[in-house]
């Protein structure tokens, strides 16, 4: 399965919500396997974001913090968005929504989770 990195980033908070919920053991196992793969990709995305901040940013005087100044911000955003439009290939089957038990999800949550869940028609 191919997913855009932007879809993974957008779904991250909802996936973490599910990871912290009490789930039936079968669903917890399936979601855990999916999240392990997703978290590896999220870690790489964050590493690349940090490299872009270092590339376009400047150290804030008197601190160890780096910020992207206004004159470089558009270039930073353009490069970061190009990264997020990249695709990553994953080897997992979507988890059936019914396996999640009684977890409460908003309509927006379910939209963000579409690549990771199968929803009955």
PDB file of N, CA and C in Angstrom:
ATOM      1  N   UNK A   1       0.842  -1.171   0.000  1.00  0.00           N
ATOM      2  CA  UNK A   1       0.000   0.000   0.000  1.00  0.00           C
ATOM      3  C   UNK A   1       0.893   1.242   0.000  1.00  0.00           C
ATOM      4  N   UNK A   2       0.568   2.187  -0.877  1.00  0.00           N
ATOM      5  CA  UNK A   2       1.302   3.446  -0.933  1.00  0.00           C
ATOM      6  C   UNK A   2       0.473   4.537  -0.267  1.00  0.00           C
ATOM      7  N   UNK A   3       1.148   5.324   0.568  1.00  0.00           N
ATOM      8  CA  UNK A   3       0.498   6.442   1.242  1.00  0.00           C
ATOM      9  C   UNK A   3       1.362   7.681   1.107  1.00  0.00           C
ATOM     10  N   UNK A   4       0.710   8.826   0.934  1.00  0.00           N
ATOM     11  CA  UNK A   4       1.446  10.079   0.950  1.00  0.00           C
ATOM     12  C   UNK A   4       1.854  10.377   2.387  1.00  0.00           C
ATOM     13  N   UNK A   5       3.033  10.946   2.520  1.00  0.00           N
ATOM     14  CA  UNK A   5       3.514  11.273   3.858  1.00  0.00           C
ATOM     15  C   UNK A   5       2.606  12.279   4.544  1.00  0.00           C
ATOM     16  N   UNK A   6       1.983  13.151   3.777  1.00  0.00           N
ATOM     17  CA  UNK A   6       1.052  14.116   4.365  1.00  0.00           C
ATOM     18  C   UNK A   6      -0.140  13.413   5.017  1.00  0.00           C
ATOM     19  N   UNK A   7      -0.612  12.317   4.414  1.00  0.00           N
ATOM     20  CA  UNK A   7      -1.727  11.568   5.007  1.00  0.00           C
ATOM     21  C   UNK A   7      -1.318  10.924   6.320  1.00  0.00           C
ATOM     22  N   UNK A   8      -0.071  10.466   6.374  1.00  0.00           N
ATOM     23  CA  UNK A   8       0.436   9.861   7.601  1.00  0.00           C
ATOM     24  C   UNK A   8       0.529  10.917   8.699  1.00  0.00           C
ATOM     25  N   UNK A   9       1.084  12.086   8.376  1.00  0.00           N
ATOM     26  CA  UNK A   9       1.214  13.163   9.361  1.00  0.00           C
ATOM     27  C   UNK A   9      -0.143  13.612   9.871  1.00  0.00           C
ATOM     28  N   UNK A  10      -1.108  13.747   8.980  1.00  0.00           N
ATOM     29  CA  UNK A  10      -2.448  14.195   9.392  1.00  0.00           C
ATOM     30  C   UNK A  10      -3.131  13.180  10.292  1.00  0.00           C
ATOM     31  N   UNK A  11      -2.899  11.911  10.034  1.00  0.00           N
ATOM     32  CA  UNK A  11      -3.556  10.855  10.800  1.00  0.00           C
ATOM     33  C   UNK A  11      -2.858  10.572  12.131  1.00  0.00           C
ATOM     34  N   UNK A  12      -1.665  11.072  12.313  1.00  0.00           N
ATOM     35  CA  UNK A  12      -0.876  10.757  13.514  1.00  0.00           C
ATOM     36  C   UNK A  12      -1.638  10.963  14.825  1.00  0.00           C
ATOM     37  N   UNK A  13      -2.290  12.119  15.063  1.00  0.00           N
ATOM     38  CA  UNK A  13      -2.979  12.295  16.351  1.00  0.00           C
ATOM     39  C   UNK A  13      -4.116  11.285  16.562  1.00  0.00           C
ATOM     40  N   UNK A  14      -4.821  10.949  15.502  1.00  0.00           N
ATOM     41  CA  UNK A  14      -5.930  10.004  15.616  1.00  0.00           C
ATOM     42  C   UNK A  14      -5.398   8.587  15.850  1.00  0.00           C
ATOM     43  N   UNK A  15      -4.319   8.246  15.166  1.00  0.00           N
ATOM     44  CA  UNK A  15      -3.699   6.937  15.386  1.00  0.00           C
ATOM     45  C   UNK A  15      -3.211   6.808  16.829  1.00  0.00           C
ATOM     46  N   UNK A  16      -2.654   7.887  17.365  1.00  0.00           N
ATOM     47  CA  UNK A  16      -2.209   7.856  18.763  1.00  0.00           C
ATOM     48  C   UNK A  16      -3.404   7.731  19.709  1.00  0.00           C
ATOM     49  N   UNK A  17      -4.505   8.352  19.362  1.00  0.00           N
ATOM     50  CA  UNK A  17      -5.731   8.229  20.155  1.00  0.00           C
ATOM     51  C   UNK A  17      -6.161   6.761  20.214  1.00  0.00           C
ATOM     52  N   UNK A  18      -6.112   6.092  19.085  1.00  0.00           N
ATOM     53  CA  UNK A  18      -6.484   4.678  19.036  1.00  0.00           C
ATOM     54  C   UNK A  18      -5.474   3.838  19.814  1.00  0.00           C
ATOM     55  N   UNK A  19      -4.199   4.158  19.683  1.00  0.00           N
ATOM     56  CA  UNK A  19      -3.166   3.399  20.388  1.00  0.00           C
ATOM     57  C   UNK A  19      -3.333   3.477  21.900  1.00  0.00           C
ATOM     58  N   UNK A  20      -3.889   4.578  22.390  1.00  0.00           N
ATOM     59  CA  UNK A  20      -4.065   4.764  23.831  1.00  0.00           C
ATOM     60  C   UNK A  20      -5.420   4.281  24.338  1.00  0.00           C
ATOM     61  N   UNK A  21      -6.258   3.791  23.444  1.00  0.00           N
ATOM     62  CA  UNK A  21      -7.590   3.314  23.831  1.00  0.00           C
ATOM     63  C   UNK A  21      -7.523   1.835  24.220  1.00  0.00           C
ATOM     64  N   UNK A  22      -8.455   1.430  25.049  1.00  0.00           N
ATOM     65  CA  UNK A  22      -8.602   0.009  25.384  1.00  0.00           C
ATOM     66  C   UNK A  22      -9.294  -0.659  24.201  1.00  0.00           C
ATOM     67  N   UNK A  23      -8.609  -1.618  23.586  1.00  0.00           N
ATOM     68  CA  UNK A  23      -9.135  -2.298  22.408  1.00  0.00           C
ATOM     69  C   UNK A  23      -9.186  -3.797  22.663  1.00  0.00           C
ATOM     70  N   UNK A  24     -10.043  -4.490  21.925  1.00  0.00           N
ATOM     71  CA  UNK A  24      -9.978  -5.950  21.963  1.00  0.00           C
ATOM     72  C   UNK A  24      -8.571  -6.386  21.537  1.00  0.00           C
ATOM     73  N   UNK A  25      -8.080  -7.477  22.091  1.00  0.00           N
ATOM     74  CA  UNK A  25      -6.692  -7.885  21.903  1.00  0.00           C
ATOM     75  C   UNK A  25      -6.315  -8.062  20.435  1.00  0.00           C
ATOM     76  N   UNK A  26      -7.213  -8.606  19.634  1.00  0.00           N
ATOM     77  CA  UNK A  26      -6.919  -8.808  18.212  1.00  0.00           C
ATOM     78  C   UNK A  26      -6.709  -7.462  17.508  1.00  0.00           C
ATOM     79  N   UNK A  27      -7.583  -6.510  17.800  1.00  0.00           N
ATOM     80  CA  UNK A  27      -7.459  -5.179  17.198  1.00  0.00           C
ATOM     81  C   UNK A  27      -6.213  -4.471  17.713  1.00  0.00           C
ATOM     82  N   UNK A  28      -5.921  -4.605  18.996  1.00  0.00           N
ATOM     83  CA  UNK A  28      -4.736  -3.973  19.572  1.00  0.00           C
ATOM     84  C   UNK A  28      -3.473  -4.492  18.882  1.00  0.00           C
ATOM     85  N   UNK A  29      -3.436  -5.777  18.615  1.00  0.00           N
ATOM     86  CA  UNK A  29      -2.288  -6.366  17.934  1.00  0.00           C
ATOM     87  C   UNK A  29      -2.159  -5.820  16.508  1.00  0.00           C
ATOM     88  N   UNK A  30      -3.272  -5.801  15.776  1.00  0.00           N
ATOM     89  CA  UNK A  30      -3.241  -5.308  14.393  1.00  0.00           C
ATOM     90  C   UNK A  30      -2.840  -3.835  14.337  1.00  0.00           C
ATOM     91  N   UNK A  31      -3.456  -3.029  15.187  1.00  0.00           N
ATOM     92  CA  UNK A  31      -3.151  -1.600  15.215  1.00  0.00           C
ATOM     93  C   UNK A  31      -1.696  -1.385  15.638  1.00  0.00           C
ATOM     94  N   UNK A  32      -1.228  -2.161  16.599  1.00  0.00           N
ATOM     95  CA  UNK A  32       0.163  -2.052  17.039  1.00  0.00           C
ATOM     96  C   UNK A  32       1.139  -2.329  15.917  1.00  0.00           C
ATOM     97  N   UNK A  33       0.852  -3.333  15.103  1.00  0.00           N
ATOM     98  CA  UNK A  33       1.732  -3.659  13.964  1.00  0.00           C
ATOM     99  C   UNK A  33       1.726  -2.526  12.932  1.00  0.00           C
ATOM    100  N   UNK A  34       0.547  -1.985  12.657  1.00  0.00           N
ATOM    101  CA  UNK A  34       0.443  -0.868  11.714  1.00  0.00           C
ATOM    102  C   UNK A  34       1.213   0.339  12.261  1.00  0.00           C
ATOM    103  N   UNK A  35       0.985   0.658  13.541  1.00  0.00           N
ATOM    104  CA  UNK A  35       1.621   1.835  14.132  1.00  0.00           C
ATOM    105  C   UNK A  35       3.135   1.705  14.187  1.00  0.00           C
ATOM    106  N   UNK A  36       3.644   0.521  14.384  1.00  0.00           N
ATOM    107  CA  UNK A  36       5.094   0.330  14.406  1.00  0.00           C
ATOM    108  C   UNK A  36       5.696   0.767  13.069  1.00  0.00           C
ATOM    109  N   UNK A  37       5.046   0.390  11.994  1.00  0.00           N
ATOM    110  CA  UNK A  37       5.527   0.768  10.658  1.00  0.00           C
ATOM    111  C   UNK A  37       5.346   2.274  10.407  1.00  0.00           C
ATOM    112  N   UNK A  38       4.209   2.794  10.843  1.00  0.00           N
ATOM    113  CA  UNK A  38       3.924   4.219  10.651  1.00  0.00           C
ATOM    114  C   UNK A  38       4.895   5.066  11.469  1.00  0.00           C
ATOM    115  N   UNK A  39       5.173   4.653  12.701  1.00  0.00           N
ATOM    116  CA  UNK A  39       6.067   5.430  13.562  1.00  0.00           C
ATOM    117  C   UNK A  39       7.477   5.507  12.990  1.00  0.00           C
ATOM    118  N   UNK A  40       7.930   4.459  12.327  1.00  0.00           N
ATOM    119  CA  UNK A  40       9.240   4.510  11.671  1.00  0.00           C
ATOM    120  C   UNK A  40       9.251   5.617  10.616  1.00  0.00           C
ATOM    121  N   UNK A  41       8.181   5.699   9.856  1.00  0.00           N
ATOM    122  CA  UNK A  41       8.092   6.718   8.810  1.00  0.00           C
ATOM    123  C   UNK A  41       7.972   8.107   9.421  1.00  0.00           C
ATOM    124  N   UNK A  42       7.186   8.252  10.492  1.00  0.00           N
ATOM    125  CA  UNK A  42       7.043   9.538  11.170  1.00  0.00           C
ATOM    126  C   UNK A  42       8.384  10.015  11.724  1.00  0.00           C
ATOM    127  N   UNK A  43       9.183   9.104  12.229  1.00  0.00           N
ATOM    128  CA  UNK A  43      10.508   9.455  12.749  1.00  0.00           C
ATOM    129  C   UNK A  43      11.381  10.006  11.619  1.00  0.00           C
ATOM    130  N   UNK A  44      11.330   9.369  10.465  1.00  0.00           N
ATOM    131  CA  UNK A  44      12.113   9.836   9.315  1.00  0.00           C
ATOM    132  C   UNK A  44      11.629  11.203   8.846  1.00  0.00           C
ATOM    133  N   UNK A  45      10.317  11.402   8.819  1.00  0.00           N
ATOM    134  CA  UNK A  45       9.763  12.711   8.431  1.00  0.00           C
ATOM    135  C   UNK A  45      10.288  13.794   9.369  1.00  0.00           C
ATOM    136  N   UNK A  46      10.269  13.519  10.672  1.00  0.00           N
ATOM    137  CA  UNK A  46      10.734  14.504  11.653  1.00  0.00           C
ATOM    138  C   UNK A  46      12.231  14.781  11.486  1.00  0.00           C
ATOM    139  N   UNK A  47      13.012  13.750  11.217  1.00  0.00           N
ATOM    140  CA  UNK A  47      14.449  13.945  10.984  1.00  0.00           C
ATOM    141  C   UNK A  47      14.686  14.848   9.774  1.00  0.00           C
ATOM    142  N   UNK A  48      13.893  14.652   8.723  1.00  0.00           N
ATOM    143  CA  UNK A  48      14.034  15.480   7.519  1.00  0.00           C
ATOM    144  C   UNK A  48      13.575  16.914   7.790  1.00  0.00           C
ATOM    145  N   UNK A  49      12.527  17.082   8.598  1.00  0.00           N
ATOM    146  CA  UNK A  49      12.055  18.428   8.956  1.00  0.00           C
ATOM    147  C   UNK A  49      13.147  19.173   9.722  1.00  0.00           C
ATOM    148  N   UNK A  50      13.793  18.477  10.645  1.00  0.00           N
ATOM    149  CA  UNK A  50      14.870  19.093  11.420  1.00  0.00           C
ATOM    150  C   UNK A  50      16.020  19.506  10.504  1.00  0.00           C
ATOM    151  N   UNK A  51      16.352  18.657   9.530  1.00  0.00           N
ATOM    152  CA  UNK A  51      17.410  19.011   8.576  1.00  0.00           C
ATOM    153  C   UNK A  51      17.035  20.259   7.781  1.00  0.00           C
ATOM    154  N   UNK A  52      15.764  20.367   7.405  1.00  0.00           N
ATOM    155  CA  UNK A  52      15.324  21.559   6.676  1.00  0.00           C
ATOM    156  C   UNK A  52      15.398  22.804   7.558  1.00  0.00           C
ATOM    157  N   UNK A  53      15.035  22.661   8.836  1.00  0.00           N
ATOM    158  CA  UNK A  53      15.134  23.799   9.762  1.00  0.00           C
ATOM    159  C   UNK A  53      16.596  24.225   9.891  1.00  0.00           C
ATOM    160  N   UNK A  54      17.483  23.257  10.003  1.00  0.00           N
ATOM    161  CA  UNK A  54      18.909  23.575  10.109  1.00  0.00           C
ATOM    162  C   UNK A  54      19.419  24.228   8.824  1.00  0.00           C
ATOM    163  N   UNK A  55      18.926  23.753   7.687  1.00  0.00           N
ATOM    164  CA  UNK A  55      19.355  24.291   6.396  1.00  0.00           C
ATOM    165  C   UNK A  55      18.907  25.745   6.217  1.00  0.00           C
ATOM    166  N   UNK A  56      17.651  26.028   6.566  1.00  0.00           N
ATOM    167  CA  UNK A  56      17.078  27.348   6.304  1.00  0.00           C
ATOM    168  C   UNK A  56      17.037  28.247   7.530  1.00  0.00           C
ATOM    169  N   UNK A  57      17.340  27.677   8.700  1.00  0.00           N
ATOM    170  CA  UNK A  57      17.197  28.429   9.934  1.00  0.00           C
ATOM    171  C   UNK A  57      18.477  29.074  10.422  1.00  0.00           C
ATOM    172  N   UNK A  58      18.301  29.811  11.489  1.00  0.00           N
ATOM    173  CA  UNK A  58      19.412  30.467  12.175  1.00  0.00           C
ATOM    174  C   UNK A  58      19.247  30.223  13.667  1.00  0.00           C
ATOM    175  N   UNK A  59      20.367  30.095  14.347  1.00  0.00           N
ATOM    176  CA  UNK A  59      20.329  29.892  15.787  1.00  0.00           C
ATOM    177  C   UNK A  59      19.886  31.181  16.463  1.00  0.00           C
ATOM    178  N   UNK A  60      18.953  31.043  17.398  1.00  0.00           N
ATOM    179  CA  UNK A  60      18.474  32.191  18.152  1.00  0.00           C
ATOM    180  C   UNK A  60      19.573  32.566  19.153  1.00  0.00           C
ATOM    181  N   UNK A  61      19.963  33.838  19.101  1.00  0.00           N
ATOM    182  CA  UNK A  61      21.069  34.307  19.935  1.00  0.00           C
ATOM    183  C   UNK A  61      20.810  34.016  21.410  1.00  0.00           C
ATOM    184  N   UNK A  62      21.826  33.453  22.056  1.00  0.00           N
ATOM    185  CA  UNK A  62      21.734  33.160  23.479  1.00  0.00           C
ATOM    186  C   UNK A  62      21.035  31.850  23.799  1.00  0.00           C
ATOM    187  N   UNK A  63      20.645  31.091  22.756  1.00  0.00           N
ATOM    188  CA  UNK A  63      19.978  29.800  22.965  1.00  0.00           C
ATOM    189  C   UNK A  63      20.602  28.774  22.025  1.00  0.00           C
ATOM    190  N   UNK A  64      20.147  27.554  22.156  1.00  0.00           N
ATOM    191  CA  UNK A  64      20.555  26.509  21.218  1.00  0.00           C
ATOM    192  C   UNK A  64      19.435  26.220  20.224  1.00  0.00           C
ATOM    193  N   UNK A  65      18.395  27.023  20.249  1.00  0.00           N
ATOM    194  CA  UNK A  65      17.228  26.842  19.388  1.00  0.00           C
ATOM    195  C   UNK A  65      17.476  27.442  18.007  1.00  0.00           C
ATOM    196  N   UNK A  66      16.982  26.730  16.999  1.00  0.00           N
ATOM    197  CA  UNK A  66      17.086  27.208  15.617  1.00  0.00           C
ATOM    198  C   UNK A  66      15.688  27.543  15.117  1.00  0.00           C
ATOM    199  N   UNK A  67      15.558  28.707  14.513  1.00  0.00           N
ATOM    200  CA  UNK A  67      14.283  29.134  13.929  1.00  0.00           C
ATOM    201  C   UNK A  67      14.507  29.524  12.477  1.00  0.00           C
ATOM    202  N   UNK A  68      13.487  29.297  11.677  1.00  0.00           N
ATOM    203  CA  UNK A  68      13.547  29.696  10.273  1.00  0.00           C
ATOM    204  C   UNK A  68      13.101  31.155  10.191  1.00  0.00           C
ATOM    205  N   UNK A  69      14.003  32.041   9.746  1.00  0.00           N
ATOM    206  CA  UNK A  69      13.623  33.451   9.644  1.00  0.00           C
ATOM    207  C   UNK A  69      12.615  33.680   8.516  1.00  0.00           C
ATOM    208  N   UNK A  70      11.901  34.765   8.616  1.00  0.00           N
ATOM    209  CA  UNK A  70      10.842  35.092   7.656  1.00  0.00           C
ATOM    210  C   UNK A  70      11.336  35.048   6.217  1.00  0.00           C
ATOM    211  N   UNK A  71      12.555  35.516   5.966  1.00  0.00           N
ATOM    212  CA  UNK A  71      13.057  35.557   4.583  1.00  0.00           C
ATOM    213  C   UNK A  71      13.298  34.161   3.999  1.00  0.00           C
ATOM    214  N   UNK A  72      13.429  33.150   4.832  1.00  0.00           N
ATOM    215  CA  UNK A  72      13.633  31.777   4.359  1.00  0.00           C
ATOM    216  C   UNK A  72      12.396  30.896   4.539  1.00  0.00           C
ATOM    217  N   UNK A  73      11.377  31.451   5.157  1.00  0.00           N
ATOM    218  CA  UNK A  73      10.230  30.639   5.545  1.00  0.00           C
ATOM    219  C   UNK A  73       9.497  30.036   4.340  1.00  0.00           C
ATOM    220  N   UNK A  74       9.272  30.812   3.301  1.00  0.00           N
ATOM    221  CA  UNK A  74       8.559  30.296   2.120  1.00  0.00           C
ATOM    222  C   UNK A  74       9.311  29.132   1.475  1.00  0.00           C
ATOM    223  N   UNK A  75      10.631  29.246   1.400  1.00  0.00           N
ATOM    224  CA  UNK A  75      11.445  28.173   0.827  1.00  0.00           C
ATOM    225  C   UNK A  75      11.372  26.925   1.705  1.00  0.00           C
ATOM    226  N   UNK A  76      11.454  27.128   3.018  1.00  0.00           N
ATOM    227  CA  UNK A  76      11.338  26.015   3.959  1.00  0.00           C
ATOM    228  C   UNK A  76       9.999  25.298   3.780  1.00  0.00           C
ATOM    229  N   UNK A  77       8.918  26.051   3.756  1.00  0.00           N
ATOM    230  CA  UNK A  77       7.579  25.466   3.620  1.00  0.00           C
ATOM    231  C   UNK A  77       7.447  24.727   2.295  1.00  0.00           C
ATOM    232  N   UNK A  78       7.965  25.307   1.228  1.00  0.00           N
ATOM    233  CA  UNK A  78       7.904  24.681  -0.094  1.00  0.00           C
ATOM    234  C   UNK A  78       8.628  23.330  -0.079  1.00  0.00           C
ATOM    235  N   UNK A  79       9.822  23.283   0.491  1.00  0.00           N
ATOM    236  CA  UNK A  79      10.585  22.038   0.542  1.00  0.00           C
ATOM    237  C   UNK A  79       9.935  21.010   1.470  1.00  0.00           C
ATOM    238  N   UNK A  80       9.411  21.468   2.604  1.00  0.00           N
ATOM    239  CA  UNK A  80       8.751  20.555   3.540  1.00  0.00           C
ATOM    240  C   UNK A  80       7.478  19.978   2.918  1.00  0.00           C
ATOM    241  N   UNK A  81       6.707  20.813   2.241  1.00  0.00           N
ATOM    242  CA  UNK A  81       5.497  20.324   1.577  1.00  0.00           C
ATOM    243  C   UNK A  81       5.832  19.344   0.459  1.00  0.00           C
ATOM    244  N   UNK A  82       6.932  19.584  -0.257  1.00  0.00           N
ATOM    245  CA  UNK A  82       7.362  18.645  -1.296  1.00  0.00           C
ATOM    246  C   UNK A  82       7.706  17.297  -0.669  1.00  0.00           C
ATOM    247  N   UNK A  83       8.350  17.322   0.482  1.00  0.00           N
ATOM    248  CA  UNK A  83       8.645  16.082   1.206  1.00  0.00           C
ATOM    249  C   UNK A  83       7.348  15.352   1.560  1.00  0.00           C
ATOM    250  N   UNK A  84       6.381  16.087   2.091  1.00  0.00           N
ATOM    251  CA  UNK A  84       5.119  15.472   2.519  1.00  0.00           C
ATOM    252  C   UNK A  84       4.287  14.944   1.357  1.00  0.00           C
ATOM    253  N   UNK A  85       4.543  15.417   0.152  1.00  0.00           N
ATOM    254  CA  UNK A  85       3.831  14.901  -1.015  1.00  0.00           C
ATOM    255  C   UNK A  85       4.445  13.596  -1.527  1.00  0.00           C
ATOM    256  N   UNK A  86       5.599  13.224  -0.987  1.00  0.00           N
ATOM    257  CA  UNK A  86       6.230  11.954  -1.344  1.00  0.00           C
ATOM    258  C   UNK A  86       5.369  10.799  -0.851  1.00  0.00           C
ATOM    259  N   UNK A  87       5.586   9.639  -1.449  1.00  0.00           N
ATOM    260  CA  UNK A  87       4.848   8.449  -1.041  1.00  0.00           C
ATOM    261  C   UNK A  87       5.787   7.451  -0.385  1.00  0.00           C
ATOM    262  N   UNK A  88       5.225   6.703   0.538  1.00  0.00           N
ATOM    263  CA  UNK A  88       5.947   5.608   1.181  1.00  0.00           C
ATOM    264  C   UNK A  88       5.123   4.346   0.964  1.00  0.00           C
ATOM    265  N   UNK A  89       5.795   3.228   0.830  1.00  0.00           N
ATOM    266  CA  UNK A  89       5.124   1.943   0.633  1.00  0.00           C
ATOM    267  C   UNK A  89       5.095   1.191   1.949  1.00  0.00           C
ATOM    268  N   UNK A  90       3.920   0.683   2.290  1.00  0.00           N
ATOM    269  CA  UNK A  90       3.728  -0.060   3.531  1.00  0.00           C
ATOM    270  C   UNK A  90       3.173  -1.435   3.217  1.00  0.00           C
ATOM    271  N   UNK A  91       3.569  -2.378   4.033  1.00  0.00           N
ATOM    272  CA  UNK A  91       3.094  -3.744   3.882  1.00  0.00           C
ATOM    273  C   UNK A  91       2.213  -4.089   5.080  1.00  0.00           C
ATOM    274  N   UNK A  92       0.958  -3.676   5.017  1.00  0.00           N
ATOM    275  CA  UNK A  92      -0.003  -4.054   6.051  1.00  0.00           C
ATOM    276  C   UNK A  92      -1.395  -4.019   5.453  1.00  0.00           C
ATOM    277  N   UNK A  93      -2.262  -4.789   6.059  1.00  0.00           N
ATOM    278  CA  UNK A  93      -3.666  -4.791   5.656  1.00  0.00           C
ATOM    279  C   UNK A  93      -4.417  -3.817   6.548  1.00  0.00           C
ATOM    280  N   UNK A  94      -5.316  -3.024   5.978  1.00  0.00           N
ATOM    281  CA  UNK A  94      -6.122  -2.136   6.811  1.00  0.00           C
ATOM    282  C   UNK A  94      -6.902  -2.940   7.856  1.00  0.00           C
ATOM    283  N   UNK A  95      -7.104  -2.324   8.993  1.00  0.00           N
ATOM    284  CA  UNK A  95      -7.812  -2.962  10.098  1.00  0.00           C
ATOM    285  C   UNK A  95      -9.315  -2.708   9.926  1.00  0.00           C
ATOM    286  N   UNK A  96     -10.150  -3.745  10.031  1.00  0.00           N
ATOM    287  CA  UNK A  96     -11.596  -3.518   9.942  1.00  0.00           C
ATOM    288  C   UNK A  96     -12.074  -2.613  11.080  1.00  0.00           C
ATOM    289  N   UNK A  97     -12.861  -1.622  10.752  1.00  0.00           N
ATOM    290  CA  UNK A  97     -13.386  -0.678  11.735  1.00  0.00           C
ATOM    291  C   UNK A  97     -14.122  -1.416  12.858  1.00  0.00           C
ATOM    292  N   UNK A  98     -14.823  -2.483  12.503  1.00  0.00           N
ATOM    293  CA  UNK A  98     -15.589  -3.244  13.504  1.00  0.00           C
ATOM    294  C   UNK A  98     -14.676  -3.849  14.570  1.00  0.00           C
ATOM    295  N   UNK A  99     -13.403  -4.097  14.239  1.00  0.00           N
ATOM    296  CA  UNK A  99     -12.469  -4.672  15.207  1.00  0.00           C
ATOM    297  C   UNK A  99     -12.098  -3.704  16.318  1.00  0.00           C
ATOM    298  N   UNK A 100     -12.388  -2.426  16.153  1.00  0.00           N
ATOM    299  CA  UNK A 100     -11.989  -1.434  17.139  1.00  0.00           C
ATOM    300  C   UNK A 100     -12.906  -1.391  18.359  1.00  0.00           C
ATOM    301  N   UNK A 101     -13.968  -2.157  18.322  1.00  0.00           N
ATOM    302  CA  UNK A 101     -14.862  -2.182  19.480  1.00  0.00           C
ATOM    303  C   UNK A 101     -15.642  -0.895  19.612  1.00  0.00           C
ATOM    304  N   UNK A 102     -15.742  -0.395  20.844  1.00  0.00           N
ATOM    305  CA  UNK A 102     -16.581   0.772  21.129  1.00  0.00           C
ATOM    306  C   UNK A 102     -15.817   2.085  21.178  1.00  0.00           C
ATOM    307  N   UNK A 103     -14.682   2.162  20.528  1.00  0.00           N
ATOM    308  CA  UNK A 103     -13.914   3.408  20.532  1.00  0.00           C
ATOM    309  C   UNK A 103     -14.711   4.503  19.825  1.00  0.00           C
ATOM    310  N   UNK A 104     -14.678   5.703  20.389  1.00  0.00           N
ATOM    311  CA  UNK A 104     -15.410   6.832  19.808  1.00  0.00           C
ATOM    312  C   UNK A 104     -14.505   7.594  18.856  1.00  0.00           C
ATOM    313  N   UNK A 105     -14.952   7.746  17.638  1.00  0.00           N
ATOM    314  CA  UNK A 105     -14.218   8.511  16.634  1.00  0.00           C
ATOM    315  C   UNK A 105     -15.152   9.533  16.006  1.00  0.00           C
ATOM    316  N   UNK A 106     -14.615  10.709  15.732  1.00  0.00           N
ATOM    317  CA  UNK A 106     -15.403  11.735  15.060  1.00  0.00           C
ATOM    318  C   UNK A 106     -15.432  11.427  13.564  1.00  0.00           C
ATOM    319  N   UNK A 107     -16.359  12.048  12.840  1.00  0.00           N
ATOM    320  CA  UNK A 107     -16.348  11.875  11.388  1.00  0.00           C
ATOM    321  C   UNK A 107     -15.001  12.274  10.764  1.00  0.00           C
ATOM    322  N   UNK A 108     -14.360  13.336  11.287  1.00  0.00           N
ATOM    323  CA  UNK A 108     -13.055  13.750  10.766  1.00  0.00           C
ATOM    324  C   UNK A 108     -12.007  12.679  11.054  1.00  0.00           C
ATOM    325  N   UNK A 109     -12.078  12.073  12.245  1.00  0.00           N
ATOM    326  CA  UNK A 109     -11.149  10.986  12.571  1.00  0.00           C
ATOM    327  C   UNK A 109     -11.247   9.869  11.536  1.00  0.00           C
ATOM    328  N   UNK A 110     -12.457   9.488  11.199  1.00  0.00           N
ATOM    329  CA  UNK A 110     -12.624   8.376  10.261  1.00  0.00           C
ATOM    330  C   UNK A 110     -12.115   8.735   8.863  1.00  0.00           C
ATOM    331  N   UNK A 111     -12.260   9.993   8.481  1.00  0.00           N
ATOM    332  CA  UNK A 111     -11.729  10.436   7.185  1.00  0.00           C
ATOM    333  C   UNK A 111     -10.204  10.319   7.189  1.00  0.00           C
ATOM    334  N   UNK A 112      -9.584  10.770   8.266  1.00  0.00           N
ATOM    335  CA  UNK A 112      -8.124  10.718   8.359  1.00  0.00           C
ATOM    336  C   UNK A 112      -7.602   9.284   8.431  1.00  0.00           C
ATOM    337  N   UNK A 113      -8.437   8.378   8.936  1.00  0.00           N
ATOM    338  CA  UNK A 113      -8.025   6.986   9.106  1.00  0.00           C
ATOM    339  C   UNK A 113      -8.355   6.102   7.906  1.00  0.00           C
ATOM    340  N   UNK A 114      -8.971   6.650   6.871  1.00  0.00           N
ATOM    341  CA  UNK A 114      -9.395   5.834   5.724  1.00  0.00           C
ATOM    342  C   UNK A 114      -8.312   4.907   5.195  1.00  0.00           C
ATOM    343  N   UNK A 115      -7.047   5.361   5.067  1.00  0.00           N
ATOM    344  CA  UNK A 115      -6.049   4.429   4.530  1.00  0.00           C
ATOM    345  C   UNK A 115      -5.709   3.265   5.475  1.00  0.00           C
ATOM    346  N   UNK A 116      -6.032   3.418   6.739  1.00  0.00           N
ATOM    347  CA  UNK A 116      -5.617   2.439   7.739  1.00  0.00           C
ATOM    348  C   UNK A 116      -6.728   1.504   8.173  1.00  0.00           C
ATOM    349  N   UNK A 117      -7.959   1.860   7.854  1.00  0.00           N
ATOM    350  CA  UNK A 117      -9.127   1.083   8.295  1.00  0.00           C
ATOM    351  C   UNK A 117      -9.989   0.696   7.096  1.00  0.00           C
ATOM    352  N   UNK A 118     -10.692  -0.407   7.239  1.00  0.00           N
ATOM    353  CA  UNK A 118     -11.727  -0.737   6.257  1.00  0.00           C
ATOM    354  C   UNK A 118     -13.066  -0.487   6.942  1.00  0.00           C
ATOM    355  N   UNK A 119     -13.925   0.161   6.225  1.00  0.00           N
ATOM    356  CA  UNK A 119     -15.235   0.522   6.766  1.00  0.00           C
ATOM    357  C   UNK A 119     -16.288  -0.257   6.006  1.00  0.00           C
ATOM    358  N   UNK A 120     -17.197  -0.924   6.719  1.00  0.00           N
ATOM    359  CA  UNK A 120     -18.250  -1.665   6.008  1.00  0.00           C
ATOM    360  C   UNK A 120     -19.136  -0.705   5.219  1.00  0.00           C
ATOM    361  N   UNK A 121     -19.600  -1.173   4.097  1.00  0.00           N
ATOM    362  CA  UNK A 121     -20.472  -0.358   3.237  1.00  0.00           C
ATOM    363  C   UNK A 121     -21.849  -0.237   3.826  1.00  0.00           C
TER     364      UNK A 121
END
